[in-house]
Protein backbone atom coordinates (compact mmCIF):
# COMPACT_ATOMS: atom_id res chain seq x y z
CA MET A 1 -94.43 38.70 64.76
CA SER A 2 -92.96 41.51 63.03
CA ILE A 3 -89.89 41.24 64.92
CA THR A 4 -89.45 37.58 64.47
CA SER A 5 -90.06 37.92 60.62
CA LYS A 6 -87.55 40.63 60.28
CA TYR A 7 -84.66 38.60 61.35
CA LEU A 8 -85.48 35.05 60.46
CA ALA A 9 -85.48 35.88 56.40
CA PRO A 10 -81.93 36.88 56.42
CA MET A 11 -80.62 34.14 58.71
CA ARG A 12 -82.34 31.67 56.35
CA LEU A 13 -80.53 33.13 53.51
CA LEU A 14 -77.32 32.68 55.18
CA TYR A 15 -77.87 29.22 56.09
CA ILE A 16 -78.70 28.63 52.49
CA SER A 17 -75.48 30.47 51.08
CA LEU A 18 -73.44 28.47 53.63
CA ILE A 19 -74.57 25.16 52.40
CA CYS A 20 -74.01 26.28 48.76
CA LEU A 21 -70.48 27.31 49.83
CA VAL A 22 -69.71 24.02 51.32
CA CYS A 23 -71.01 22.08 48.29
CA PHE A 24 -68.87 24.40 45.95
CA PHE A 25 -65.70 23.52 47.91
CA THR A 26 -66.69 19.91 48.22
CA SER A 27 -67.08 19.91 44.28
CA CYS A 28 -64.00 21.56 43.52
CA LYS A 29 -61.96 19.26 45.77
CA ASN A 30 -63.33 16.11 43.97
CA GLU A 31 -62.63 17.49 40.61
CA ASN A 32 -58.82 18.30 41.66
CA LYS A 33 -58.24 14.95 43.23
CA LEU A 34 -55.41 13.07 41.69
CA PRO A 35 -56.19 9.33 40.59
CA ASP A 36 -54.87 6.48 42.71
CA PHE A 37 -51.60 5.09 41.05
CA ASP A 38 -50.63 1.40 41.20
CA ILE A 39 -47.05 1.42 41.85
CA GLU A 40 -46.29 -2.01 41.20
CA GLU A 41 -47.95 -1.48 37.60
CA LEU A 42 -45.78 1.77 37.09
CA ASN A 43 -42.69 -0.43 37.91
CA LYS A 44 -43.96 -3.14 35.67
CA ARG A 45 -44.21 -1.04 32.81
CA GLU A 46 -40.96 0.47 33.36
CA TYR A 47 -39.26 -2.86 33.39
CA ASP A 48 -41.12 -3.64 30.30
CA SER A 49 -39.76 -0.76 28.62
CA VAL A 50 -35.94 -1.68 29.66
CA LYS A 51 -36.49 -5.18 28.34
CA LYS A 52 -37.98 -3.83 24.93
CA LEU A 53 -35.09 -1.34 24.84
CA LEU A 54 -32.42 -4.11 25.55
CA SER A 55 -34.29 -6.49 22.95
CA LEU A 56 -34.23 -3.69 20.23
CA SER A 57 -30.67 -3.09 20.90
CA LYS A 58 -29.71 -7.01 20.24
CA ILE A 59 -31.67 -6.88 16.98
CA PHE A 60 -29.75 -3.76 15.94
CA ILE A 61 -26.45 -5.53 17.00
CA GLU A 62 -27.41 -8.63 14.99
CA ASN A 63 -28.29 -6.43 12.00
CA LYS A 64 -24.93 -4.54 12.19
CA GLN A 65 -26.78 -1.30 12.93
CA TYR A 66 -24.19 -0.36 15.59
CA GLU A 67 -24.95 3.07 15.99
CA ASN A 68 -28.78 2.66 16.61
CA SER A 69 -27.87 0.13 19.14
CA LEU A 70 -25.69 2.57 21.17
CA VAL A 71 -28.47 4.94 21.29
CA ASN A 72 -30.88 2.29 23.05
CA LEU A 73 -28.12 1.11 25.20
CA ASP A 74 -27.11 4.61 26.31
CA LYS A 75 -30.67 5.24 27.11
CA ILE A 76 -30.96 1.93 29.57
CA ILE A 77 -27.35 2.90 31.22
CA ASN A 78 -28.46 6.64 31.60
CA ASN A 79 -31.89 6.17 32.80
CA TYR A 80 -32.63 2.73 34.58
CA GLY A 81 -29.65 2.34 36.81
CA THR A 82 -31.52 0.05 39.38
CA TYR A 83 -32.28 -2.55 37.07
CA GLU A 84 -29.75 -5.72 36.38
CA GLU A 85 -30.29 -5.21 32.66
CA VAL A 86 -28.09 -2.23 32.86
CA ILE A 87 -25.22 -4.44 33.56
CA GLU A 88 -25.84 -6.35 30.13
CA ALA A 89 -26.38 -3.18 28.58
CA GLN A 90 -23.00 -1.81 29.47
CA LYS A 91 -21.40 -5.19 28.42
CA LEU A 92 -23.15 -4.93 25.01
CA LYS A 93 -22.18 -1.47 24.52
CA ASP A 94 -18.50 -2.26 25.25
CA GLU A 95 -18.64 -5.01 22.71
CA VAL A 96 -20.19 -2.74 20.18
CA LEU A 97 -17.57 0.04 20.70
CA ILE A 98 -14.85 -2.70 20.19
CA ILE A 99 -16.41 -3.73 16.84
CA LEU A 100 -16.71 -0.11 15.84
CA LEU A 101 -13.21 0.37 16.76
CA ILE A 102 -12.13 -2.57 14.82
CA LYS A 103 -13.87 -1.43 12.00
CA LYS A 104 -11.97 1.86 12.02
CA ILE A 105 -8.90 0.13 12.35
CA GLU A 106 -9.30 -1.95 9.40
CA GLU A 107 -10.49 1.09 7.16
CA ALA A 108 -7.80 3.40 8.45
CA LYS A 109 -5.85 5.19 5.50
CA ASN A 110 -2.55 5.71 7.21
CA ILE A 111 -0.42 4.45 10.23
CA GLN A 112 -0.80 7.64 12.10
CA MET A 113 -4.61 7.10 12.01
CA ILE A 114 -4.36 3.85 13.72
CA VAL A 115 -2.01 5.01 16.47
CA VAL A 116 -4.41 7.77 17.35
CA LEU A 117 -7.21 5.05 17.46
CA VAL A 118 -5.64 2.73 20.07
CA GLU A 119 -3.92 5.65 21.89
CA LYS A 120 -5.60 4.49 25.18
CA VAL A 121 -6.70 0.80 24.24
CA ILE A 122 -5.71 -1.83 26.44
CA ASP A 123 -7.53 -4.85 24.90
CA PRO A 124 -4.82 -7.23 23.64
CA GLU A 125 -6.82 -8.53 20.84
CA VAL A 126 -7.52 -4.86 19.17
CA LEU A 127 -3.73 -3.97 19.97
CA MET A 128 -2.63 -7.20 18.04
CA LEU A 129 -4.97 -6.42 15.14
CA ALA A 130 -3.81 -2.83 14.95
CA SER A 131 -0.25 -4.08 14.95
CA ASP A 132 -0.79 -6.43 11.98
CA ARG A 133 -2.44 -3.52 10.02
CA VAL A 134 0.48 -1.28 10.51
CA LYS A 135 2.69 -4.14 9.46
CA ASP A 136 0.65 -4.59 6.15
CA MET A 137 0.76 -0.61 5.65
CA LEU A 138 4.31 -0.61 5.96
CA LEU A 139 5.04 -3.28 3.64
CA ASN A 140 2.80 -1.49 1.01
CA SER A 141 3.62 1.98 1.57
CA LYS A 142 4.79 4.14 -0.90
CA SER A 143 5.32 7.24 1.28
CA ILE A 144 8.78 7.87 2.73
CA GLU A 145 7.31 10.53 5.13
CA GLU A 146 4.66 8.14 6.58
CA ILE A 147 7.53 5.54 7.30
CA GLU A 148 9.72 8.15 8.60
CA GLU A 149 6.79 9.36 11.01
CA TYR A 150 6.37 5.91 12.41
CA LEU A 151 10.05 5.43 12.99
CA ASN A 152 10.03 8.44 14.92
CA GLY A 153 6.89 7.29 16.94
CA THR A 154 6.80 5.02 19.88
CA LYS A 155 3.74 2.73 18.90
CA PHE A 156 4.32 -0.70 17.40
CA LYS A 157 7.95 -0.61 17.54
CA GLU A 158 8.27 -4.24 16.77
CA HIS A 159 8.33 -3.42 13.00
CA GLU A 160 11.09 -1.04 13.14
CA GLY A 161 13.28 -3.28 11.14
CA LEU A 162 10.73 -3.99 8.51
CA ALA A 163 10.13 -0.15 8.48
CA ARG A 164 13.90 0.61 7.59
CA ARG A 165 14.14 -1.96 4.94
CA ARG A 166 11.12 -0.52 3.38
CA LEU A 167 12.38 3.05 3.62
CA ASN A 168 15.47 2.28 2.01
CA GLN A 169 13.69 0.21 -0.67
CA LEU A 170 11.67 3.20 -1.30
CA LYS A 171 14.44 5.57 -1.62
CA GLU A 172 16.36 3.51 -4.12
CA ASP A 173 13.32 3.27 -6.18
CA ASN A 174 12.72 7.07 -5.85
CA LYS A 175 16.41 7.67 -6.88
CA GLU A 176 16.04 5.47 -10.06
CA GLU A 177 12.83 7.09 -10.84
CA ALA A 178 14.51 10.68 -10.19
CA TYR A 179 17.43 9.61 -12.51
CA LYS A 180 15.19 8.45 -15.54
CA ASN A 181 13.24 11.84 -15.35
CA ALA A 182 16.41 13.73 -15.21
CA VAL A 183 17.84 11.88 -18.36
CA ALA A 184 14.45 12.51 -20.01
CA SER A 185 14.52 16.11 -19.10
CA SER A 186 17.98 17.21 -20.64
CA SER A 187 17.44 20.14 -18.04
CA SER A 188 20.35 21.24 -15.83
CA ARG A 189 18.21 22.22 -13.30
CA ILE A 190 16.58 19.09 -12.71
CA TRP A 191 20.25 17.40 -12.84
CA LYS A 192 21.32 19.88 -10.21
CA LYS A 193 18.23 18.95 -7.92
CA PHE A 194 19.00 15.34 -8.42
CA LEU A 195 22.66 15.75 -7.04
CA GLU A 196 21.20 17.76 -4.04
CA ASP A 197 18.78 14.94 -3.21
CA TYR A 198 21.75 12.18 -3.99
CA PRO A 199 24.90 13.87 -3.65
CA ASP A 200 26.66 10.19 -3.17
CA HIS A 201 25.37 8.95 -6.53
CA PRO A 202 28.19 6.97 -8.15
CA GLU A 203 27.69 8.85 -11.28
CA LYS A 204 28.34 12.05 -9.66
CA SER A 205 31.45 13.00 -11.69
CA ASN A 206 29.58 12.17 -14.95
CA ILE A 207 26.58 14.09 -13.94
CA GLU A 208 28.56 17.19 -13.15
CA THR A 209 30.08 17.25 -16.42
CA LEU A 210 26.88 16.78 -18.05
CA ILE A 211 25.49 19.71 -16.18
CA ILE A 212 27.84 22.08 -17.59
CA GLU A 213 27.43 20.92 -21.12
CA LEU A 214 23.69 21.45 -20.48
CA GLU A 215 24.18 24.86 -19.08
CA VAL A 216 26.19 25.71 -22.09
CA ASN A 217 23.42 24.60 -24.37
CA GLU A 218 20.75 26.45 -22.52
CA ILE A 219 23.05 29.67 -22.68
CA PHE A 220 23.39 29.45 -26.43
CA GLY A 221 19.78 28.77 -26.67
CA GLY A 222 18.83 31.89 -25.10
CA GLU A 223 19.57 35.54 -25.35
CA TYR A 224 23.60 36.44 -24.98
CA GLY A 225 26.17 38.66 -26.02
CA ASP A 226 29.47 37.93 -27.94
CA ILE A 227 31.92 36.80 -25.50
CA PRO A 228 35.49 38.47 -25.91
CA SER A 229 38.12 36.56 -27.77
CA SER A 230 41.13 35.56 -25.56
CA GLN A 231 44.43 37.06 -26.55
CA PHE A 232 47.21 34.63 -27.93
CA LEU A 233 50.41 34.90 -26.13
CA GLY A 234 52.90 32.63 -27.39
CA GLU A 235 53.37 29.49 -29.99
CA ARG A 236 50.97 27.21 -31.06
CA ASN A 237 50.26 24.06 -28.96
CA ASN A 238 48.13 21.47 -30.51
CA VAL A 239 48.25 19.09 -27.12
CA GLU A 240 47.36 21.34 -24.25
CA SER A 241 46.37 25.12 -23.81
CA SER A 242 46.02 27.49 -20.96
CA ILE A 243 44.14 30.58 -20.27
CA SER A 244 44.68 33.29 -17.69
CA ILE A 245 41.45 34.97 -16.80
CA GLU A 246 40.84 38.13 -14.96
CA ASN A 247 37.56 38.94 -13.31
CA ASP A 248 37.32 42.86 -13.41
CA THR A 249 33.78 42.84 -12.18
CA ARG A 250 32.21 43.22 -8.85
CA TYR A 251 30.43 39.98 -9.24
CA THR A 252 31.58 36.20 -9.21
CA LEU A 253 32.29 35.22 -13.02
CA THR A 254 31.39 31.72 -14.17
CA LEU A 255 33.07 30.38 -17.38
CA ARG A 256 32.13 27.29 -18.91
CA TYR A 257 34.36 25.46 -21.70
CA SER A 258 32.66 22.63 -23.58
CA GLY A 259 34.92 20.83 -26.35
CA PRO A 260 37.77 18.22 -26.04
CA ASP A 261 37.45 19.23 -22.12
CA ILE A 262 34.51 20.30 -20.26
CA LYS A 263 35.15 22.53 -17.45
CA LYS A 264 33.50 25.08 -15.21
CA ILE A 265 35.46 27.66 -13.16
CA ASN A 266 34.03 30.45 -10.92
CA ILE A 267 36.24 33.47 -10.44
CA PRO A 268 35.65 35.78 -7.43
CA PRO A 269 35.51 39.33 -8.10
CA GLY A 270 39.08 41.15 -8.69
CA GLU A 271 40.90 37.90 -9.17
CA THR A 272 42.61 36.34 -11.69
CA GLN A 273 42.86 32.41 -12.24
CA LYS A 274 44.22 29.96 -14.75
CA VAL A 275 42.39 27.32 -16.67
CA ASN A 276 44.37 24.49 -18.32
CA LEU A 277 42.37 22.56 -21.30
CA LYS A 278 43.14 20.14 -24.12
CA SER A 279 43.71 21.93 -27.22
CA GLY A 280 40.70 22.17 -29.78
CA GLU A 281 37.59 23.91 -30.66
CA TYR A 282 35.28 25.14 -27.74
CA ARG A 283 32.05 26.79 -26.96
CA VAL A 284 32.36 29.08 -24.38
CA THR A 285 29.98 30.93 -22.19
CA ALA A 286 30.29 33.53 -19.44
CA SER A 287 28.09 34.81 -16.66
CA VAL A 288 27.85 36.29 -13.49
CA ASN A 289 25.70 35.95 -10.19
CA ALA A 290 23.42 39.05 -11.08
CA SER A 291 19.93 39.08 -12.68
CA ASN A 292 20.44 42.24 -14.47
CA VAL A 293 23.91 41.51 -16.52
CA ARG A 294 23.39 39.29 -19.47
CA ASN A 295 25.12 36.11 -20.59
CA PHE A 296 28.06 35.80 -23.03
CA ALA A 297 28.57 33.20 -25.41
CA GLY A 298 30.71 32.40 -28.54
CA THR A 299 33.16 29.92 -30.00
CA GLU A 300 37.10 29.82 -29.45
CA SER A 301 39.99 27.76 -30.95
CA LEU A 302 42.33 27.15 -28.17
CA TYR A 303 46.02 26.00 -29.21
CA GLY A 304 48.25 27.52 -26.85
CA GLU A 305 48.81 29.99 -24.09
CA TYR A 306 46.05 32.88 -23.77
CA SER A 307 44.85 35.68 -21.55
CA SER A 308 41.54 37.20 -21.34
CA ALA A 309 39.89 39.99 -19.11
CA TYR A 310 36.11 40.45 -18.22
CA TYR A 311 34.58 43.42 -17.03
CA ILE A 312 31.24 44.99 -17.16
CA SER A 313 30.42 47.90 -19.75
CA SER A 314 27.59 50.48 -18.75
CA ASN A 315 26.82 50.76 -22.68
């Protein structure tokens, strides 16, 4: 009895432990068991989501909230490729993109912007709209640079004739405006710039004469030294006078005469030139092409033949 009792107690405990262990694992297995899914129900929910997104996209389009519609359409296209609604979503997206492109074309500020917008577009209606917009811009453009850029490009060349006519008109308008500004300015610098821009202007000769007069006025209006008097050589001539002028400087000498005649002569260094003028009273200026040498100015009575020499003194 003692031997049987000695071994039966541990065995009874082992049996009980095994039962508890089985119960523990069974309990854990039941707790971690995944719930059963209804595949059809999941598919139905997913399909409902696609239809809701598509419906919401259409509402956005009706309300002209195009950017919001694109967000939903992209969700359908990118995430639900197995549904037929994706085809409709792609079609709607293409339509929305065309609408937004047309809006950008209509709001474009210049021709080059339109050219960039339609660079890869093949839709004939969009290209026709862009062409009409370019035509309107050319008709109303006030920018010579914009029209020249269009003419140098390759898009919408059907309006080339219109562009050239508008360009010529703008240049003519600009020329008239520049002429008015020059007249109002009384500035030799502005008149010189005008002739640089319009060298073939029909009034070129008169403008060059005017520039000489203005330059004389400007020199007399600033700081200057007294111009040396010319040396009288012969008999008095009340009709015509001549002056032999020697440039004894190392710079180009510019002399301006404003009186019965208006003339400007440039004499290279070391050379002598002769100028013929109607006799009379003149304002005379002399300058050289060196910023550190001041101008000279004065008046002269010219009635005959004279000689004059110019040199630069270090005093």
